[in-house]
Amino acid sequence: MLRGRIGGRMTSLIDKAAIAVLADEKAITACNDMPGDACKTPWDYCCETPEKLKASIATIQVRSADGKIVKAPLRGLGGLKELSTVVVKGTVDAASGKDVLIVNVTQIQVEKK
C-alpha cells in the first residue's frame, strides 16, 4: 500500500485517463501548508527543489483487465481532487525505473477530512 496526496505536478490528475501523480506527504510539503505562502497552485509543490520533488512522487494508473490504461478520469471519484490524501493498493509497473515509480493500482481510498 502507498499513501500520499494527489500532487507533484501542475497537472496531477489526467483528464482523459485514469492516471494521477501521488506525492509523499512525509517527504515534501505542499505550498499551502507552508506558513505565509499564497501559491495559486499548491498541489504542484513548486516550493520544493526539483531533485527532492522527483524523488518524492509516483505515477499511479488504473489498467483494465486487458492491460490497457482506463480512458476515464480519476477526478471526482470519491471526491478525488488535487491535494486529496489517498491510500492506494497495487503493483509496481514494469516501466518503472530509477527515475520514475509507476504503480498499477487496484484500489484507491480517498481519506475524508
PDB file of N, CA and C in Angstrom:
ATOM      1  N   MET A   1       0.845  -1.182   0.000  1.00  0.00           N
ATOM      2  CA  MET A   1       0.000   0.000   0.000  1.00  0.00           C
ATOM      3  C   MET A   1       0.887   1.240   0.000  1.00  0.00           C
ATOM      4  N   LEU A   2       0.357   2.284  -0.577  1.00  0.00           N
ATOM      5  CA  LEU A   2       1.063   3.541  -0.716  1.00  0.00           C
ATOM      6  C   LEU A   2       0.105   4.648  -0.308  1.00  0.00           C
ATOM      7  N   ARG A   3       0.605   5.601   0.484  1.00  0.00           N
ATOM      8  CA  ARG A   3      -0.223   6.714   0.952  1.00  0.00           C
ATOM      9  C   ARG A   3       0.428   8.016   0.527  1.00  0.00           C
ATOM     10  N   GLY A   4      -0.370   8.962   0.078  1.00  0.00           N
ATOM     11  CA  GLY A   4       0.161  10.261  -0.301  1.00  0.00           C
ATOM     12  C   GLY A   4      -0.960  11.209  -0.675  1.00  0.00           C
ATOM     13  N   ARG A   5      -0.543  12.341  -1.249  1.00  0.00           N
ATOM     14  CA  ARG A   5      -1.502  13.349  -1.679  1.00  0.00           C
ATOM     15  C   ARG A   5      -1.409  13.518  -3.184  1.00  0.00           C
ATOM     16  N   ILE A   6      -2.545  13.746  -3.805  1.00  0.00           N
ATOM     17  CA  ILE A   6      -2.549  13.980  -5.243  1.00  0.00           C
ATOM     18  C   ILE A   6      -1.836  15.307  -5.491  1.00  0.00           C
ATOM     19  N   GLY A   7      -0.733  15.235  -6.189  1.00  0.00           N
ATOM     20  CA  GLY A   7       0.058  16.428  -6.465  1.00  0.00           C
ATOM     21  C   GLY A   7       1.487  16.076  -6.823  1.00  0.00           C
ATOM     22  N   GLY A   8       2.222  17.108  -7.158  1.00  0.00           N
ATOM     23  CA  GLY A   8       3.610  16.944  -7.533  1.00  0.00           C
ATOM     24  C   GLY A   8       3.894  17.491  -8.919  1.00  0.00           C
ATOM     25  N   ARG A   9       2.859  17.780  -9.643  1.00  0.00           N
ATOM     26  CA  ARG A   9       2.941  18.373 -10.982  1.00  0.00           C
ATOM     27  C   ARG A   9       1.779  19.353 -11.126  1.00  0.00           C
ATOM     28  N   MET A  10       1.927  20.308 -12.034  1.00  0.00           N
ATOM     29  CA  MET A  10       0.837  21.262 -12.292  1.00  0.00           C
ATOM     30  C   MET A  10      -0.421  20.484 -12.684  1.00  0.00           C
ATOM     31  N   THR A  11      -0.267  19.508 -13.572  1.00  0.00           N
ATOM     32  CA  THR A  11      -1.383  18.640 -13.936  1.00  0.00           C
ATOM     33  C   THR A  11      -1.157  17.315 -13.227  1.00  0.00           C
ATOM     34  N   SER A  12      -1.808  17.130 -12.103  1.00  0.00           N
ATOM     35  CA  SER A  12      -1.623  15.929 -11.287  1.00  0.00           C
ATOM     36  C   SER A  12      -2.725  14.906 -11.489  1.00  0.00           C
ATOM     37  N   LEU A  13      -3.797  15.297 -12.129  1.00  0.00           N
ATOM     38  CA  LEU A  13      -4.892  14.392 -12.486  1.00  0.00           C
ATOM     39  C   LEU A  13      -5.118  14.536 -13.992  1.00  0.00           C
ATOM     40  N   ILE A  14      -4.953  13.448 -14.704  1.00  0.00           N
ATOM     41  CA  ILE A  14      -5.108  13.476 -16.159  1.00  0.00           C
ATOM     42  C   ILE A  14      -6.603  13.413 -16.500  1.00  0.00           C
ATOM     43  N   ASP A  15      -7.027  14.278 -17.406  1.00  0.00           N
ATOM     44  CA  ASP A  15      -8.451  14.384 -17.734  1.00  0.00           C
ATOM     45  C   ASP A  15      -9.005  13.210 -18.539  1.00  0.00           C
ATOM     46  N   LYS A  16      -8.208  12.601 -19.396  1.00  0.00           N
ATOM     47  CA  LYS A  16      -8.735  11.585 -20.308  1.00  0.00           C
ATOM     48  C   LYS A  16      -8.221  10.186 -20.030  1.00  0.00           C
ATOM     49  N   ALA A  17      -7.629   9.991 -18.848  1.00  0.00           N
ATOM     50  CA  ALA A  17      -7.123   8.662 -18.495  1.00  0.00           C
ATOM     51  C   ALA A  17      -7.074   8.533 -16.976  1.00  0.00           C
ATOM     52  N   ALA A  18      -7.104   7.302 -16.505  1.00  0.00           N
ATOM     53  CA  ALA A  18      -7.074   7.033 -15.059  1.00  0.00           C
ATOM     54  C   ALA A  18      -5.623   7.042 -14.571  1.00  0.00           C
ATOM     55  N   ILE A  19      -5.047   8.249 -14.596  1.00  0.00           N
ATOM     56  CA  ILE A  19      -3.655   8.462 -14.207  1.00  0.00           C
ATOM     57  C   ILE A  19      -3.587   9.686 -13.302  1.00  0.00           C
ATOM     58  N   ALA A  20      -2.759   9.590 -12.264  1.00  0.00           N
ATOM     59  CA  ALA A  20      -2.553  10.723 -11.359  1.00  0.00           C
ATOM     60  C   ALA A  20      -1.125  10.674 -10.824  1.00  0.00           C
ATOM     61  N   VAL A  21      -0.698  11.801 -10.283  1.00  0.00           N
ATOM     62  CA  VAL A  21       0.605  11.885  -9.633  1.00  0.00           C
ATOM     63  C   VAL A  21       0.351  11.923  -8.135  1.00  0.00           C
ATOM     64  N   LEU A  22       1.127  11.124  -7.415  1.00  0.00           N
ATOM     65  CA  LEU A  22       0.978  10.992  -5.968  1.00  0.00           C
ATOM     66  C   LEU A  22       2.256  11.469  -5.294  1.00  0.00           C
ATOM     67  N   ALA A  23       2.119  12.417  -4.358  1.00  0.00           N
ATOM     68  CA  ALA A  23       3.266  12.979  -3.643  1.00  0.00           C
ATOM     69  C   ALA A  23       3.367  12.373  -2.245  1.00  0.00           C
ATOM     70  N   ASP A  24       4.588  12.080  -1.837  1.00  0.00           N
ATOM     71  CA  ASP A  24       4.855  11.554  -0.497  1.00  0.00           C
ATOM     72  C   ASP A  24       4.728  12.700   0.498  1.00  0.00           C
ATOM     73  N   GLU A  25       3.622  12.709   1.229  1.00  0.00           N
ATOM     74  CA  GLU A  25       3.320  13.816   2.143  1.00  0.00           C
ATOM     75  C   GLU A  25       4.295  13.921   3.309  1.00  0.00           C
ATOM     76  N   LYS A  26       5.068  12.878   3.561  1.00  0.00           N
ATOM     77  CA  LYS A  26       6.050  12.929   4.647  1.00  0.00           C
ATOM     78  C   LYS A  26       7.406  13.431   4.169  1.00  0.00           C
ATOM     79  N   ALA A  27       7.630  13.401   2.859  1.00  0.00           N
ATOM     80  CA  ALA A  27       8.921  13.812   2.308  1.00  0.00           C
ATOM     81  C   ALA A  27       8.916  15.248   1.784  1.00  0.00           C
ATOM     82  N   ILE A  28       7.757  15.699   1.290  1.00  0.00           N
ATOM     83  CA  ILE A  28       7.651  17.044   0.728  1.00  0.00           C
ATOM     84  C   ILE A  28       6.392  17.724   1.243  1.00  0.00           C
ATOM     85  N   THR A  29       6.390  19.044   1.141  1.00  0.00           N
ATOM     86  CA  THR A  29       5.290  19.843   1.690  1.00  0.00           C
ATOM     87  C   THR A  29       4.622  20.651   0.589  1.00  0.00           C
ATOM     88  N   ALA A  30       3.314  20.560   0.509  1.00  0.00           N
ATOM     89  CA  ALA A  30       2.556  21.369  -0.451  1.00  0.00           C
ATOM     90  C   ALA A  30       2.686  22.834  -0.065  1.00  0.00           C
ATOM     91  N   CYS A  31       2.687  23.689  -1.063  1.00  0.00           N
ATOM     92  CA  CYS A  31       2.875  25.122  -0.822  1.00  0.00           C
ATOM     93  C   CYS A  31       1.863  25.689   0.176  1.00  0.00           C
ATOM     94  N   ASN A  32       0.606  25.247   0.117  1.00  0.00           N
ATOM     95  CA  ASN A  32      -0.414  25.799   1.010  1.00  0.00           C
ATOM     96  C   ASN A  32      -0.207  25.380   2.461  1.00  0.00           C
ATOM     97  N   ASP A  33       0.677  24.411   2.708  1.00  0.00           N
ATOM     98  CA  ASP A  33       0.983  24.008   4.078  1.00  0.00           C
ATOM     99  C   ASP A  33       2.187  24.745   4.644  1.00  0.00           C
ATOM    100  N   MET A  34       2.746  25.674   3.861  1.00  0.00           N
ATOM    101  CA  MET A  34       3.875  26.489   4.311  1.00  0.00           C
ATOM    102  C   MET A  34       3.330  27.834   4.779  1.00  0.00           C
ATOM    103  N   PRO A  35       3.621  28.217   6.014  1.00  0.00           N
ATOM    104  CA  PRO A  35       3.113  29.483   6.544  1.00  0.00           C
ATOM    105  C   PRO A  35       3.475  30.671   5.649  1.00  0.00           C
ATOM    106  N   GLY A  36       2.471  31.484   5.362  1.00  0.00           N
ATOM    107  CA  GLY A  36       2.679  32.696   4.592  1.00  0.00           C
ATOM    108  C   GLY A  36       2.747  32.502   3.087  1.00  0.00           C
ATOM    109  N   ASP A  37       2.620  31.293   2.615  1.00  0.00           N
ATOM    110  CA  ASP A  37       2.697  31.044   1.178  1.00  0.00           C
ATOM    111  C   ASP A  37       1.325  31.250   0.551  1.00  0.00           C
ATOM    112  N   ALA A  38       1.264  31.964  -0.554  1.00  0.00           N
ATOM    113  CA  ALA A  38      -0.004  32.246  -1.224  1.00  0.00           C
ATOM    114  C   ALA A  38      -0.030  31.674  -2.640  1.00  0.00           C
ATOM    115  N   CYS A  39       0.624  30.561  -2.834  1.00  0.00           N
ATOM    116  CA  CYS A  39       0.702  29.918  -4.149  1.00  0.00           C
ATOM    117  C   CYS A  39      -0.707  29.600  -4.657  1.00  0.00           C
ATOM    118  N   LYS A  40      -0.953  29.893  -5.932  1.00  0.00           N
ATOM    119  CA  LYS A  40      -2.274  29.636  -6.512  1.00  0.00           C
ATOM    120  C   LYS A  40      -2.447  28.189  -6.955  1.00  0.00           C
ATOM    121  N   THR A  41      -1.349  27.422  -7.050  1.00  0.00           N
ATOM    122  CA  THR A  41      -1.405  26.017  -7.445  1.00  0.00           C
ATOM    123  C   THR A  41      -0.566  25.191  -6.462  1.00  0.00           C
ATOM    124  N   PRO A  42      -0.981  25.125  -5.204  1.00  0.00           N
ATOM    125  CA  PRO A  42      -0.153  24.469  -4.187  1.00  0.00           C
ATOM    126  C   PRO A  42       0.078  22.980  -4.425  1.00  0.00           C
ATOM    127  N   TRP A  43      -0.754  22.334  -5.227  1.00  0.00           N
ATOM    128  CA  TRP A  43      -0.594  20.910  -5.498  1.00  0.00           C
ATOM    129  C   TRP A  43       0.615  20.614  -6.391  1.00  0.00           C
ATOM    130  N   ASP A  44       1.226  21.641  -6.996  1.00  0.00           N
ATOM    131  CA  ASP A  44       2.396  21.367  -7.835  1.00  0.00           C
ATOM    132  C   ASP A  44       3.695  21.290  -7.020  1.00  0.00           C
ATOM    133  N   TYR A  45       3.611  21.599  -5.723  1.00  0.00           N
ATOM    134  CA  TYR A  45       4.754  21.514  -4.810  1.00  0.00           C
ATOM    135  C   TYR A  45       5.945  22.309  -5.338  1.00  0.00           C
ATOM    136  N   CYS A  46       5.681  23.463  -5.965  1.00  0.00           N
ATOM    137  CA  CYS A  46       6.738  24.262  -6.582  1.00  0.00           C
ATOM    138  C   CYS A  46       7.717  24.843  -5.573  1.00  0.00           C
ATOM    139  N   CYS A  47       7.385  24.814  -4.296  1.00  0.00           N
ATOM    140  CA  CYS A  47       8.282  25.327  -3.264  1.00  0.00           C
ATOM    141  C   CYS A  47       9.395  24.333  -2.926  1.00  0.00           C
ATOM    142  N   GLU A  48       9.280  23.115  -3.413  1.00  0.00           N
ATOM    143  CA  GLU A  48      10.300  22.087  -3.192  1.00  0.00           C
ATOM    144  C   GLU A  48      11.332  22.123  -4.316  1.00  0.00           C
ATOM    145  N   THR A  49      12.530  21.624  -4.049  1.00  0.00           N
ATOM    146  CA  THR A  49      13.545  21.572  -5.099  1.00  0.00           C
ATOM    147  C   THR A  49      13.152  20.507  -6.120  1.00  0.00           C
ATOM    148  N   PRO A  50      13.538  20.698  -7.370  1.00  0.00           N
ATOM    149  CA  PRO A  50      13.221  19.688  -8.388  1.00  0.00           C
ATOM    150  C   PRO A  50      13.760  18.301  -8.037  1.00  0.00           C
ATOM    151  N   GLU A  51      14.929  18.233  -7.444  1.00  0.00           N
ATOM    152  CA  GLU A  51      15.519  16.950  -7.073  1.00  0.00           C
ATOM    153  C   GLU A  51      14.702  16.248  -5.991  1.00  0.00           C
ATOM    154  N   LYS A  52      14.313  17.003  -4.983  1.00  0.00           N
ATOM    155  CA  LYS A  52      13.519  16.422  -3.895  1.00  0.00           C
ATOM    156  C   LYS A  52      12.137  16.015  -4.403  1.00  0.00           C
ATOM    157  N   LEU A  53      11.575  16.834  -5.254  1.00  0.00           N
ATOM    158  CA  LEU A  53      10.260  16.539  -5.825  1.00  0.00           C
ATOM    159  C   LEU A  53      10.307  15.256  -6.650  1.00  0.00           C
ATOM    160  N   LYS A  54      11.300  15.139  -7.505  1.00  0.00           N
ATOM    161  CA  LYS A  54      11.444  13.956  -8.357  1.00  0.00           C
ATOM    162  C   LYS A  54      11.558  12.679  -7.528  1.00  0.00           C
ATOM    163  N   ALA A  55      12.249  12.760  -6.401  1.00  0.00           N
ATOM    164  CA  ALA A  55      12.456  11.589  -5.542  1.00  0.00           C
ATOM    165  C   ALA A  55      11.245  11.276  -4.667  1.00  0.00           C
ATOM    166  N   SER A  56      10.236  12.153  -4.669  1.00  0.00           N
ATOM    167  CA  SER A  56       9.125  12.022  -3.726  1.00  0.00           C
ATOM    168  C   SER A  56       7.756  11.865  -4.368  1.00  0.00           C
ATOM    169  N   ILE A  57       7.720  11.566  -5.666  1.00  0.00           N
ATOM    170  CA  ILE A  57       6.429  11.384  -6.331  1.00  0.00           C
ATOM    171  C   ILE A  57       6.383  10.040  -7.061  1.00  0.00           C
ATOM    172  N   ALA A  58       5.175   9.587  -7.294  1.00  0.00           N
ATOM    173  CA  ALA A  58       4.930   8.370  -8.065  1.00  0.00           C
ATOM    174  C   ALA A  58       3.760   8.640  -8.997  1.00  0.00           C
ATOM    175  N   THR A  59       3.738   7.946 -10.103  1.00  0.00           N
ATOM    176  CA  THR A  59       2.591   7.994 -11.010  1.00  0.00           C
ATOM    177  C   THR A  59       1.732   6.781 -10.700  1.00  0.00           C
ATOM    178  N   ILE A  60       0.452   7.026 -10.501  1.00  0.00           N
ATOM    179  CA  ILE A  60      -0.471   5.914 -10.284  1.00  0.00           C
ATOM    180  C   ILE A  60      -1.391   5.832 -11.495  1.00  0.00           C
ATOM    181  N   GLN A  61      -1.735   4.611 -11.866  1.00  0.00           N
ATOM    182  CA  GLN A  61      -2.607   4.422 -13.021  1.00  0.00           C
ATOM    183  C   GLN A  61      -3.482   3.195 -12.815  1.00  0.00           C
ATOM    184  N   VAL A  62      -4.636   3.223 -13.465  1.00  0.00           N
ATOM    185  CA  VAL A  62      -5.566   2.089 -13.395  1.00  0.00           C
ATOM    186  C   VAL A  62      -5.603   1.440 -14.767  1.00  0.00           C
ATOM    187  N   ARG A  63      -5.378   0.133 -14.780  1.00  0.00           N
ATOM    188  CA  ARG A  63      -5.411  -0.634 -16.029  1.00  0.00           C
ATOM    189  C   ARG A  63      -6.661  -1.523 -16.049  1.00  0.00           C
ATOM    190  N   SER A  64      -7.185  -1.737 -17.242  1.00  0.00           N
ATOM    191  CA  SER A  64      -8.336  -2.624 -17.413  1.00  0.00           C
ATOM    192  C   SER A  64      -7.856  -4.077 -17.404  1.00  0.00           C
ATOM    193  N   ALA A  65      -8.788  -5.008 -17.488  1.00  0.00           N
ATOM    194  CA  ALA A  65      -8.459  -6.439 -17.476  1.00  0.00           C
ATOM    195  C   ALA A  65      -7.543  -6.821 -18.638  1.00  0.00           C
ATOM    196  N   ASP A  66      -7.628  -6.078 -19.741  1.00  0.00           N
ATOM    197  CA  ASP A  66      -6.764  -6.390 -20.887  1.00  0.00           C
ATOM    198  C   ASP A  66      -5.421  -5.658 -20.836  1.00  0.00           C
ATOM    199  N   GLY A  67      -5.159  -4.974 -19.730  1.00  0.00           N
ATOM    200  CA  GLY A  67      -3.861  -4.333 -19.525  1.00  0.00           C
ATOM    201  C   GLY A  67      -3.733  -2.915 -20.028  1.00  0.00           C
ATOM    202  N   LYS A  68      -4.785  -2.381 -20.620  1.00  0.00           N
ATOM    203  CA  LYS A  68      -4.734  -1.012 -21.132  1.00  0.00           C
ATOM    204  C   LYS A  68      -5.126  -0.029 -20.035  1.00  0.00           C
ATOM    205  N   ILE A  69      -4.541   1.172 -20.102  1.00  0.00           N
ATOM    206  CA  ILE A  69      -4.903   2.212 -19.135  1.00  0.00           C
ATOM    207  C   ILE A  69      -6.352   2.628 -19.388  1.00  0.00           C
ATOM    208  N   VAL A  70      -7.137   2.685 -18.326  1.00  0.00           N
ATOM    209  CA  VAL A  70      -8.549   3.053 -18.416  1.00  0.00           C
ATOM    210  C   VAL A  70      -8.655   4.486 -18.944  1.00  0.00           C
ATOM    211  N   LYS A  71      -9.510   4.689 -19.915  1.00  0.00           N
ATOM    212  CA  LYS A  71      -9.687   6.002 -20.551  1.00  0.00           C
ATOM    213  C   LYS A  71     -10.808   6.797 -19.883  1.00  0.00           C
ATOM    214  N   ALA A  72     -10.731   6.944 -18.587  1.00  0.00           N
ATOM    215  CA  ALA A  72     -11.706   7.731 -17.822  1.00  0.00           C
ATOM    216  C   ALA A  72     -10.931   8.415 -16.698  1.00  0.00           C
ATOM    217  N   PRO A  73     -11.282   9.637 -16.376  1.00  0.00           N
ATOM    218  CA  PRO A  73     -10.542  10.355 -15.335  1.00  0.00           C
ATOM    219  C   PRO A  73     -10.811   9.827 -13.931  1.00  0.00           C
ATOM    220  N   LEU A  74      -9.818   9.988 -13.079  1.00  0.00           N
ATOM    221  CA  LEU A  74      -9.980   9.650 -11.661  1.00  0.00           C
ATOM    222  C   LEU A  74     -10.629  10.801 -10.885  1.00  0.00           C
ATOM    223  N   ARG A  75     -10.506  12.015 -11.413  1.00  0.00           N
ATOM    224  CA  ARG A  75     -11.049  13.196 -10.736  1.00  0.00           C
ATOM    225  C   ARG A  75     -12.515  12.984 -10.380  1.00  0.00           C
ATOM    226  N   GLY A  76     -12.841  13.271  -9.139  1.00  0.00           N
ATOM    227  CA  GLY A  76     -14.219  13.186  -8.691  1.00  0.00           C
ATOM    228  C   GLY A  76     -14.606  11.870  -8.044  1.00  0.00           C
ATOM    229  N   LEU A  77     -13.877  10.801  -8.335  1.00  0.00           N
ATOM    230  CA  LEU A  77     -14.199   9.505  -7.720  1.00  0.00           C
ATOM    231  C   LEU A  77     -13.986   9.586  -6.217  1.00  0.00           C
ATOM    232  N   GLY A  78     -15.021   9.427  -5.467  1.00  0.00           N
ATOM    233  CA  GLY A  78     -14.915   9.522  -4.010  1.00  0.00           C
ATOM    234  C   GLY A  78     -14.473  10.890  -3.530  1.00  0.00           C
ATOM    235  N   GLY A  79     -14.665  11.909  -4.369  1.00  0.00           N
ATOM    236  CA  GLY A  79     -14.250  13.262  -4.013  1.00  0.00           C
ATOM    237  C   GLY A  79     -12.801  13.559  -4.376  1.00  0.00           C
ATOM    238  N   LEU A  80     -12.168  12.714  -5.171  1.00  0.00           N
ATOM    239  CA  LEU A  80     -10.764  12.863  -5.532  1.00  0.00           C
ATOM    240  C   LEU A  80     -10.498  14.151  -6.294  1.00  0.00           C
ATOM    241  N   LYS A  81      -9.517  14.911  -5.830  1.00  0.00           N
ATOM    242  CA  LYS A  81      -9.087  16.151  -6.476  1.00  0.00           C
ATOM    243  C   LYS A  81      -7.648  16.423  -6.051  1.00  0.00           C
ATOM    244  N   GLU A  82      -7.065  17.498  -6.556  1.00  0.00           N
ATOM    245  CA  GLU A  82      -5.721  17.872  -6.163  1.00  0.00           C
ATOM    246  C   GLU A  82      -5.644  18.026  -4.648  1.00  0.00           C
ATOM    247  N   LEU A  83      -4.579  17.537  -4.076  1.00  0.00           N
ATOM    248  CA  LEU A  83      -4.268  17.561  -2.644  1.00  0.00           C
ATOM    249  C   LEU A  83      -5.114  16.608  -1.803  1.00  0.00           C
ATOM    250  N   SER A  84      -5.955  15.784  -2.440  1.00  0.00           N
ATOM    251  CA  SER A  84      -6.648  14.734  -1.688  1.00  0.00           C
ATOM    252  C   SER A  84      -5.613  13.751  -1.161  1.00  0.00           C
ATOM    253  N   THR A  85      -5.822  13.290   0.051  1.00  0.00           N
ATOM    254  CA  THR A  85      -4.963  12.243   0.605  1.00  0.00           C
ATOM    255  C   THR A  85      -5.600  10.906   0.253  1.00  0.00           C
ATOM    256  N   VAL A  86      -4.783  10.015  -0.309  1.00  0.00           N
ATOM    257  CA  VAL A  86      -5.282   8.719  -0.739  1.00  0.00           C
ATOM    258  C   VAL A  86      -4.367   7.599  -0.252  1.00  0.00           C
ATOM    259  N   VAL A  87      -4.953   6.431  -0.149  1.00  0.00           N
ATOM    260  CA  VAL A  87      -4.203   5.199   0.088  1.00  0.00           C
ATOM    261  C   VAL A  87      -4.507   4.318  -1.107  1.00  0.00           C
ATOM    262  N   VAL A  88      -3.455   3.847  -1.776  1.00  0.00           N
ATOM    263  CA  VAL A  88      -3.644   3.004  -2.947  1.00  0.00           C
ATOM    264  C   VAL A  88      -2.994   1.646  -2.731  1.00  0.00           C
ATOM    265  N   LYS A  89      -3.569   0.664  -3.377  1.00  0.00           N
ATOM    266  CA  LYS A  89      -3.040  -0.683  -3.349  1.00  0.00           C
ATOM    267  C   LYS A  89      -2.794  -1.089  -4.791  1.00  0.00           C
ATOM    268  N   GLY A  90      -1.652  -1.713  -5.054  1.00  0.00           N
ATOM    269  CA  GLY A  90      -1.351  -2.125  -6.411  1.00  0.00           C
ATOM    270  C   GLY A  90       0.032  -2.727  -6.525  1.00  0.00           C
ATOM    271  N   THR A  91       0.532  -2.755  -7.759  1.00  0.00           N
ATOM    272  CA  THR A  91       1.842  -3.332  -8.028  1.00  0.00           C
ATOM    273  C   THR A  91       2.669  -2.357  -8.856  1.00  0.00           C
ATOM    274  N   VAL A  92       3.975  -2.466  -8.723  1.00  0.00           N
ATOM    275  CA  VAL A  92       4.878  -1.611  -9.482  1.00  0.00           C
ATOM    276  C   VAL A  92       4.844  -2.044 -10.949  1.00  0.00           C
ATOM    277  N   ASP A  93       4.687  -1.072 -11.835  1.00  0.00           N
ATOM    278  CA  ASP A  93       4.634  -1.332 -13.264  1.00  0.00           C
ATOM    279  C   ASP A  93       6.029  -1.641 -13.802  1.00  0.00           C
ATOM    280  N   ALA A  94       6.098  -2.494 -14.811  1.00  0.00           N
ATOM    281  CA  ALA A  94       7.371  -2.874 -15.425  1.00  0.00           C
ATOM    282  C   ALA A  94       8.100  -1.682 -16.038  1.00  0.00           C
ATOM    283  N   ALA A  95       7.394  -0.622 -16.377  1.00  0.00           N
ATOM    284  CA  ALA A  95       8.016   0.570 -16.956  1.00  0.00           C
ATOM    285  C   ALA A  95       8.706   1.449 -15.915  1.00  0.00           C
ATOM    286  N   SER A  96       8.559   1.127 -14.637  1.00  0.00           N
ATOM    287  CA  SER A  96       9.232   1.893 -13.580  1.00  0.00           C
ATOM    288  C   SER A  96      10.742   1.735 -13.720  1.00  0.00           C
ATOM    289  N   GLY A  97      11.443   2.746 -13.260  1.00  0.00           N
ATOM    290  CA  GLY A  97      12.903   2.705 -13.288  1.00  0.00           C
ATOM    291  C   GLY A  97      13.462   3.553 -12.172  1.00  0.00           C
ATOM    292  N   LYS A  98      14.758   3.798 -12.219  1.00  0.00           N
ATOM    293  CA  LYS A  98      15.378   4.559 -11.129  1.00  0.00           C
ATOM    294  C   LYS A  98      14.898   6.005 -11.078  1.00  0.00           C
ATOM    295  N   ASP A  99      14.390   6.518 -12.194  1.00  0.00           N
ATOM    296  CA  ASP A  99      13.942   7.904 -12.230  1.00  0.00           C
ATOM    297  C   ASP A  99      12.439   8.092 -12.101  1.00  0.00           C
ATOM    298  N   VAL A 100      11.673   6.992 -12.151  1.00  0.00           N
ATOM    299  CA  VAL A 100      10.216   7.116 -12.086  1.00  0.00           C
ATOM    300  C   VAL A 100       9.604   5.858 -11.471  1.00  0.00           C
ATOM    301  N   LEU A 101       8.679   6.089 -10.552  1.00  0.00           N
ATOM    302  CA  LEU A 101       7.923   4.992  -9.956  1.00  0.00           C
ATOM    303  C   LEU A 101       6.508   5.047 -10.519  1.00  0.00           C
ATOM    304  N   ILE A 102       6.082   3.944 -11.137  1.00  0.00           N
ATOM    305  CA  ILE A 102       4.739   3.841 -11.695  1.00  0.00           C
ATOM    306  C   ILE A 102       4.050   2.676 -11.001  1.00  0.00           C
ATOM    307  N   VAL A 103       2.860   2.928 -10.470  1.00  0.00           N
ATOM    308  CA  VAL A 103       2.116   1.901  -9.753  1.00  0.00           C
ATOM    309  C   VAL A 103       0.787   1.652 -10.455  1.00  0.00           C
ATOM    310  N   ASN A 104       0.529   0.399 -10.777  1.00  0.00           N
ATOM    311  CA  ASN A 104      -0.770  -0.013 -11.319  1.00  0.00           C
ATOM    312  C   ASN A 104      -1.671  -0.282 -10.127  1.00  0.00           C
ATOM    313  N   VAL A 105      -2.629   0.595  -9.909  1.00  0.00           N
ATOM    314  CA  VAL A 105      -3.452   0.477  -8.711  1.00  0.00           C
ATOM    315  C   VAL A 105      -4.693  -0.379  -8.954  1.00  0.00           C
ATOM    316  N   THR A 106      -5.035  -1.120  -7.929  1.00  0.00           N
ATOM    317  CA  THR A 106      -6.233  -1.958  -7.965  1.00  0.00           C
ATOM    318  C   THR A 106      -7.268  -1.448  -6.977  1.00  0.00           C
ATOM    319  N   GLN A 107      -6.840  -0.535  -6.098  1.00  0.00           N
ATOM    320  CA  GLN A 107      -7.752   0.023  -5.103  1.00  0.00           C
ATOM    321  C   GLN A 107      -7.287   1.418  -4.738  1.00  0.00           C
ATOM    322  N   ILE A 108      -8.222   2.352  -4.671  1.00  0.00           N
ATOM    323  CA  ILE A 108      -7.933   3.722  -4.254  1.00  0.00           C
ATOM    324  C   ILE A 108      -8.944   4.110  -3.192  1.00  0.00           C
ATOM    325  N   GLN A 109      -8.436   4.550  -2.062  1.00  0.00           N
ATOM    326  CA  GLN A 109      -9.305   5.022  -0.991  1.00  0.00           C
ATOM    327  C   GLN A 109      -8.971   6.479  -0.723  1.00  0.00           C
ATOM    328  N   VAL A 110      -9.947   7.339  -0.867  1.00  0.00           N
ATOM    329  CA  VAL A 110      -9.768   8.769  -0.586  1.00  0.00           C
ATOM    330  C   VAL A 110     -10.080   8.991   0.887  1.00  0.00           C
ATOM    331  N   GLU A 111      -9.134   9.561   1.610  1.00  0.00           N
ATOM    332  CA  GLU A 111      -9.359   9.842   3.028  1.00  0.00           C
ATOM    333  C   GLU A 111     -10.182  11.109   3.175  1.00  0.00           C
ATOM    334  N   LYS A 112     -11.175  11.042   3.993  1.00  0.00           N
ATOM    335  CA  LYS A 112     -12.029  12.194   4.274  1.00  0.00           C
ATOM    336  C   LYS A 112     -11.413  13.029   5.380  1.00  0.00           C
ATOM    337  N   LYS A 113     -11.567  14.331   5.278  1.00  0.00           N
ATOM    338  CA  LYS A 113     -11.002  15.223   6.308  1.00  0.00           C
ATOM    339  C   LYS A 113     -12.024  15.533   7.357  1.00  0.00           C
TER     340      LYS A 113
END
